[in-house]
C-alpha atoms as a PDB file:
ATOM      1  CA  MET A   1      97.129  70.620  52.839  1.00  0.00           C
ATOM      2  CA  GLY A   2     100.756  70.272  53.918  1.00  0.00           C
ATOM      3  CA  TYR A   3     103.605  72.684  54.127  1.00  0.00           C
ATOM      4  CA  SER A   4     105.266  71.527  50.901  1.00  0.00           C
ATOM      5  CA  SER A   5     102.079  71.837  48.810  1.00  0.00           C
ATOM      6  CA  ILE A   6     102.127  75.656  48.957  1.00  0.00           C
ATOM      7  CA  PHE A   7     104.520  77.787  46.919  1.00  0.00           C
ATOM      8  CA  TRP A   8     105.677  80.142  49.657  1.00  0.00           C
ATOM      9  CA  LEU A   9     107.978  82.413  47.676  1.00  0.00           C
ATOM     10  CA  PRO A  10     105.210  83.923  45.515  1.00  0.00           C
ATOM     11  CA  VAL A  11     102.893  84.304  48.522  1.00  0.00           C
ATOM     12  CA  CYS A  12     105.535  86.138  50.573  1.00  0.00           C
ATOM     13  CA  ALA A  13     106.646  88.259  47.603  1.00  0.00           C
ATOM     14  CA  VAL A  14     103.056  89.360  46.884  1.00  0.00           C
ATOM     15  CA  LEU A  15     102.443  90.238  50.551  1.00  0.00           C
ATOM     16  CA  SER A  16     105.652  92.284  50.686  1.00  0.00           C
ATOM     17  CA  GLY A  17     104.813  93.990  47.376  1.00  0.00           C
ATOM     18  CA  ILE A  18     101.311  94.966  48.557  1.00  0.00           C
ATOM     19  CA  GLY A  19     102.778  96.285  51.812  1.00  0.00           C
ATOM     20  CA  LEU A  20     105.412  98.362  50.036  1.00  0.00           C
ATOM     21  CA  GLY A  21     102.829  99.797  47.634  1.00  0.00           C
ATOM     22  CA  LEU A  22     100.518 100.824  50.501  1.00  0.00           C
ATOM     23  CA  THR A  23     103.501 102.236  52.375  1.00  0.00           C
ATOM     24  CA  PHE A  24     104.464 104.431  49.432  1.00  0.00           C
ATOM     25  CA  TYR A  25     100.868 105.582  48.894  1.00  0.00           C
ATOM     26  CA  TYR A  26     100.170 106.516  52.535  1.00  0.00           C
ATOM     27  CA  GLY A  27     103.751 107.477  53.367  1.00  0.00           C
ATOM     28  CA  ARG A  28     103.749 110.464  50.993  1.00  0.00           C
ATOM     29  CA  ARG A  29     101.165 112.196  53.183  1.00  0.00           C
ATOM     30  CA  ARG A  30     102.580 111.154  56.563  1.00  0.00           C
ATOM     31  CA  GLY A  31     106.287 111.750  56.016  1.00  0.00           C
ATOM     32  CA  MET A  32     109.546 109.892  55.705  1.00  0.00           C
ATOM     33  CA  ARG A  33     109.483 108.350  59.182  1.00  0.00           C
ATOM     34  CA  ALA A  34     106.102 106.687  58.532  1.00  0.00           C
ATOM     35  CA  MET A  35     107.385 105.446  55.153  1.00  0.00           C
ATOM     36  CA  LEU A  36     110.436 103.820  56.685  1.00  0.00           C
ATOM     37  CA  ARG A  37     108.389 102.150  59.407  1.00  0.00           C
ATOM     38  CA  GLY A  38     105.880 100.902  56.823  1.00  0.00           C
ATOM     39  CA  ALA A  39     108.711  99.511  54.683  1.00  0.00           C
ATOM     40  CA  ALA A  40     110.036  97.618  57.700  1.00  0.00           C
ATOM     41  CA  TRP A  41     106.632  96.026  58.329  1.00  0.00           C
ATOM     42  CA  SER A  42     106.219  95.245  54.629  1.00  0.00           C
ATOM     43  CA  LEU A  43     109.504  93.349  54.355  1.00  0.00           C
ATOM     44  CA  ILE A  44     108.657  90.918  57.181  1.00  0.00           C
ATOM     45  CA  PRO A  45     106.972  88.247  54.935  1.00  0.00           C
ATOM     46  CA  ILE A  46     109.927  87.958  52.584  1.00  0.00           C
ATOM     47  CA  ALA A  47     112.369  87.855  55.530  1.00  0.00           C
ATOM     48  CA  VAL A  48     110.360  85.032  57.123  1.00  0.00           C
ATOM     49  CA  TYR A  49     110.532  83.055  53.861  1.00  0.00           C
ATOM     50  CA  LEU A  50     114.260  83.621  53.342  1.00  0.00           C
ATOM     51  CA  THR A  51     115.124  82.518  56.915  1.00  0.00           C
ATOM     52  CA  GLY A  52     113.003  79.363  56.635  1.00  0.00           C
ATOM     53  CA  SER A  53     110.770  80.393  59.544  1.00  0.00           C
ATOM     54  CA  ILE A  54     107.577  79.715  57.599  1.00  0.00           C
ATOM     55  CA  GLU A  55     108.012  75.985  58.088  1.00  0.00           C
ATOM     56  CA  LEU A  56     108.512  76.537  61.805  1.00  0.00           C
ATOM     57  CA  PHE A  57     105.325  78.634  62.063  1.00  0.00           C
ATOM     58  CA  TRP A  58     103.450  76.044  59.988  1.00  0.00           C
ATOM     59  CA  LYS A  59     104.497  73.231  62.354  1.00  0.00           C
ATOM     60  CA  ILE A  60     103.609  75.272  65.433  1.00  0.00           C
ATOM     61  CA  GLY A  61     100.153  76.061  64.049  1.00  0.00           C
ATOM     62  CA  ASP A  62      99.625  72.427  63.048  1.00  0.00           C
ATOM     63  CA  ALA A  63     100.628  71.188  66.529  1.00  0.00           C
ATOM     64  CA  ILE A  64      98.311  73.687  68.242  1.00  0.00           C
ATOM     65  CA  GLY A  65      95.434  72.629  65.997  1.00  0.00           C
ATOM     66  CA  LYS A  66      95.974  68.927  66.690  1.00  0.00           C
ATOM     67  CA  TYR A  67      96.258  69.521  70.436  1.00  0.00           C
ATOM     68  CA  ALA A  68      93.115  71.664  70.504  1.00  0.00           C
ATOM     69  CA  SER A  69      91.050  69.143  68.543  1.00  0.00           C
ATOM     70  CA  ALA A  70      92.235  66.274  70.772  1.00  0.00           C
ATOM     71  CA  PHE A  71      91.638  68.366  73.884  1.00  0.00           C
ATOM     72  CA  VAL A  72      88.081  69.403  73.120  1.00  0.00           C
ATOM     73  CA  PHE A  73      86.850  65.848  72.657  1.00  0.00           C
ATOM     74  CA  SER A  74      88.793  64.190  75.505  1.00  0.00           C
ATOM     75  CA  PRO A  75      86.925  63.634  78.798  1.00  0.00           C
ATOM     76  CA  VAL A  76      90.209  62.777  80.531  1.00  0.00           C
ATOM     77  CA  LYS A  77      91.629  66.221  79.734  1.00  0.00           C
ATOM     78  CA  TRP A  78      88.434  67.908  80.983  1.00  0.00           C
ATOM     79  CA  ALA A  79      88.723  65.898  84.205  1.00  0.00           C
ATOM     80  CA  GLY A  80      92.281  67.256  84.497  1.00  0.00           C
ATOM     81  CA  ILE A  81      90.930  70.791  84.201  1.00  0.00           C
ATOM     82  CA  GLY A  82      88.425  70.020  86.963  1.00  0.00           C
ATOM     83  CA  VAL A  83      91.189  68.746  89.247  1.00  0.00           C
ATOM     84  CA  ALA A  84      93.291  71.847  88.485  1.00  0.00           C
ATOM     85  CA  GLY A  85      90.293  74.022  89.421  1.00  0.00           C
ATOM     86  CA  LEU A  86      89.877  72.087  92.685  1.00  0.00           C
ATOM     87  CA  ILE A  87      93.551  72.637  93.456  1.00  0.00           C
ATOM     88  CA  ALA A  88      93.172  76.392  92.936  1.00  0.00           C
ATOM     89  CA  VAL A  89      90.096  76.517  95.206  1.00  0.00           C
ATOM     90  CA  LEU A  90      91.910  74.594  97.951  1.00  0.00           C
ATOM     91  CA  PHE A  91      94.937  76.879  97.799  1.00  0.00           C
ATOM     92  CA  PHE A  92      92.795  80.012  97.962  1.00  0.00           C
ATOM     93  CA  ALA A  93      90.673  78.653 100.813  1.00  0.00           C
ATOM     94  CA  THR A  94      93.640  77.713 102.982  1.00  0.00           C
ATOM     95  CA  SER A  95      95.599  80.903 102.373  1.00  0.00           C
ATOM     96  CA  GLY A  96      92.646  83.010 103.519  1.00  0.00           C
ATOM     97  CA  ARG A  97      92.432  81.149 106.820  1.00  0.00           C
ATOM     98  CA  GLU A  98      96.118  81.710 107.512  1.00  0.00           C
ATOM     99  CA  ARG A  99      95.842  85.441 106.829  1.00  0.00           C
ATOM    100  CA  ARG A 100      92.807  85.794 109.087  1.00  0.00           C
ATOM    101  CA  LYS A 101      94.511  83.818 111.868  1.00  0.00           C
ATOM    102  CA  ALA A 102      97.599  86.039 111.657  1.00  0.00           C
ATOM    103  CA  ALA A 103      95.406  89.151 111.693  1.00  0.00           C
ATOM    104  CA  ARG A 104      93.554  87.932 114.806  1.00  0.00           C
ATOM    105  CA  GLN A 105      96.830  87.252 116.604  1.00  0.00           C
ATOM    106  CA  ALA A 106      98.185  90.680 115.663  1.00  0.00           C
ATOM    107  CA  ALA A 107      95.008  92.365 116.901  1.00  0.00           C
ATOM    108  CA  LYS A 108      95.186  90.423 120.154  1.00  0.00           C
ATOM    109  CA  GLN A 109      98.793  91.480 120.732  1.00  0.00           C
ATOM    110  CA  LYS A 110      97.964  95.085 119.907  1.00  0.00           C
ATOM    111  CA  ALA A 111      95.082  95.076 122.392  1.00  0.00           C
ATOM    112  CA  GLU A 112      97.372  93.673 125.073  1.00  0.00           C
ATOM    113  CA  ARG A 113      99.918  96.411 124.437  1.00  0.00           C
ATOM    114  CA  LYS A 114      97.257  99.129 124.573  1.00  0.00           C
ATOM    115  CA  ALA A 115      96.068  97.780 127.918  1.00  0.00           C
ATOM    116  CA  GLY A 116      99.439  98.705 129.430  1.00  0.00           C
ATOM    117  CA  GLU A 117     101.369  95.473 129.095  1.00  0.00           C
ATOM    118  CA  SER A 118     104.883  95.440 127.671  1.00  0.00           C
ATOM    119  CA  PRO A 119     105.588  93.199 124.661  1.00  0.00           C
ATOM    120  CA  ALA A 120     108.342  91.362 126.572  1.00  0.00           C
ATOM    121  CA  SER A 121     106.008  90.351 129.398  1.00  0.00           C
ATOM    122  CA  SER A 122     103.302  89.237 126.952  1.00  0.00           C
ATOM    123  CA  ALA A 123     105.827  86.999 125.189  1.00  0.00           C
ATOM    124  CA  ALA A 124     106.889  85.553 128.544  1.00  0.00           C
ATOM    125  CA  LEU A 125     103.269  84.898 129.508  1.00  0.00           C
ATOM    126  CA  ALA A 126     102.518  83.328 126.129  1.00  0.00           C
ATOM    127  CA  SER A 127     105.522  81.000 126.369  1.00  0.00           C
ATOM    128  CA  SER A 128     104.648  79.963 129.923  1.00  0.00           C
ATOM    129  CA  GLY A 129     101.148  78.909 128.886  1.00  0.00           C
ATOM    130  CA  ALA A 130      99.303  81.652 130.731  1.00  0.00           C
ATOM    131  CA  THR A 131      95.783  82.452 129.611  1.00  0.00           C
ATOM    132  CA  ALA A 132      94.715  85.629 127.864  1.00  0.00           C
ATOM    133  CA  SER A 133      92.786  86.811 130.923  1.00  0.00           C
ATOM    134  CA  LEU A 134      95.958  87.280 132.987  1.00  0.00           C
ATOM    135  CA  PRO A 135      97.263  90.271 131.026  1.00  0.00           C
ATOM    136  CA  MET A 136      93.898  91.952 131.429  1.00  0.00           C
ATOM    137  CA  ALA A 137      93.946  91.372 135.183  1.00  0.00           C
ATOM    138  CA  THR A 138      97.408  92.884 135.555  1.00  0.00           C
ATOM    139  CA  SER A 139      96.473  95.925 133.498  1.00  0.00           C
ATOM    140  CA  ALA A 140      93.819  96.997 135.999  1.00  0.00           C
ATOM    141  CA  ALA A 141      96.479  98.230 138.408  1.00  0.00           C
ATOM    142  CA  PRO A 142      97.753 101.746 137.708  1.00  0.00           C
ATOM    143  CA  ALA A 143     101.214 102.075 136.170  1.00  0.00           C
ATOM    144  CA  ALA A 144     104.031 103.176 138.472  1.00  0.00           C
ATOM    145  CA  GLY A 145     104.131 106.938 138.754  1.00  0.00           C
ATOM    146  CA  LYS A 146     100.855 107.487 136.880  1.00  0.00           C
ATOM    147  CA  PRO A 147      97.724 108.219 138.890  1.00  0.00           C
ATOM    148  CA  GLU A 148      94.642 106.225 137.925  1.00  0.00           C
ATOM    149  CA  PRO A 149      91.916 108.413 136.393  1.00  0.00           C
ATOM    150  CA  ALA A 150      88.784 108.848 138.493  1.00  0.00           C
ATOM    151  CA  ARG A 151      85.895 106.693 137.336  1.00  0.00           C
ATOM    152  CA  ASN A 152      82.405 108.047 137.345  1.00  0.00           C
ATOM    153  CA  THR A 153      79.941 105.736 139.051  1.00  0.00           C
ATOM    154  CA  PRO A 154      76.341 106.174 138.013  1.00  0.00           C
ATOM    155  CA  ALA A 155      73.435 106.418 140.435  1.00  0.00           C
ATOM    156  CA  LYS A 156      71.953 103.109 141.602  1.00  0.00           C
ATOM    157  CA  GLY A 157      68.596 103.573 139.913  1.00  0.00           C
ATOM    158  CA  SER A 158      69.872 104.618 136.476  1.00  0.00           C
ATOM    159  CA  ARG A 159      70.068 102.429 133.373  1.00  0.00           C
ATOM    160  CA  LYS A 160      73.817 102.853 133.160  1.00  0.00           C
ATOM    161  CA  ALA A 161      74.193 101.332 136.612  1.00  0.00           C
ATOM    162  CA  ALA A 162      72.428  98.185 135.418  1.00  0.00           C
ATOM    163  CA  ARG A 163      74.820  97.807 132.444  1.00  0.00           C
ATOM    164  CA  THR A 164      78.077  98.706 134.220  1.00  0.00           C
ATOM    165  CA  PRO A 165      80.124  95.665 135.240  1.00  0.00           C
ATOM    166  CA  VAL A 166      81.064  95.449 138.887  1.00  0.00           C
ATOM    167  CA  ASP A 167      84.480  93.918 138.351  1.00  0.00           C
ATOM    168  CA  ASP A 168      87.436  96.123 137.272  1.00  0.00           C
ATOM    169  CA  ASP A 169      88.608  93.468 134.800  1.00  0.00           C
ATOM    170  CA  MET A 170      85.255  93.544 133.050  1.00  0.00           C
ATOM    171  CA  LYS A 171      85.441  97.366 132.827  1.00  0.00           C
ATOM    172  CA  ASP A 172      88.764  97.117 131.024  1.00  0.00           C
ATOM    173  CA  ILE A 173      87.392  94.531 128.612  1.00  0.00           C
ATOM    174  CA  GLU A 174      84.307  96.657 127.981  1.00  0.00           C
ATOM    175  CA  GLU A 175      86.525  99.693 127.309  1.00  0.00           C
ATOM    176  CA  ILE A 176      88.654  97.775 124.753  1.00  0.00           C
ATOM    177  CA  LEU A 177      85.556  96.481 123.020  1.00  0.00           C
ATOM    178  CA  ARG A 178      84.031  99.976 122.926  1.00  0.00           C
ATOM    179  CA  LYS A 179      87.236 101.384 121.373  1.00  0.00           C
ATOM    180  CA  ARG A 180      87.036  98.747 118.659  1.00  0.00           C
ATOM    181  CA  GLY A 181      83.377  99.474 118.013  1.00  0.00           C
ATOM    182  CA  ILE A 182      82.165  96.036 119.103  1.00  0.00           C
END
């Protein structure tokens, strides 16, 4: 059935007439505002016919139907959907790695700052190729003007003595890890 085989004027006129009748019937109870809004909705079919938009809508619907029927039965188009899905998975997988890498670097810089190192000196060390253990070694020394807090040393026979690292650098690392809950 084509566009020209349907008499559109009677169809649109009947739809508008039914809409106006229902609007009058229900609008008496709901008020003038509801009647006016109902009349606006009811006049849409006749306006679409008079502007010639029915043919446009018919062609759009026909094109969508043809595309859908050709799409459903085409293995090439389904392969295209599979490739599009693979593309989405690859984008999501790579973006997650970048976010986690940035988060690890930010956490590392934050830990270095908490250990008493200034951000300027950490940038200088990073650009010179120094390893991450150097900032920890420099943070063991007390800051100028600030006395180092006294450290409690456990008795030789206790369990805590067996777990306590001997080196000051290891104590600092253990303290950072304990603060992070690791």
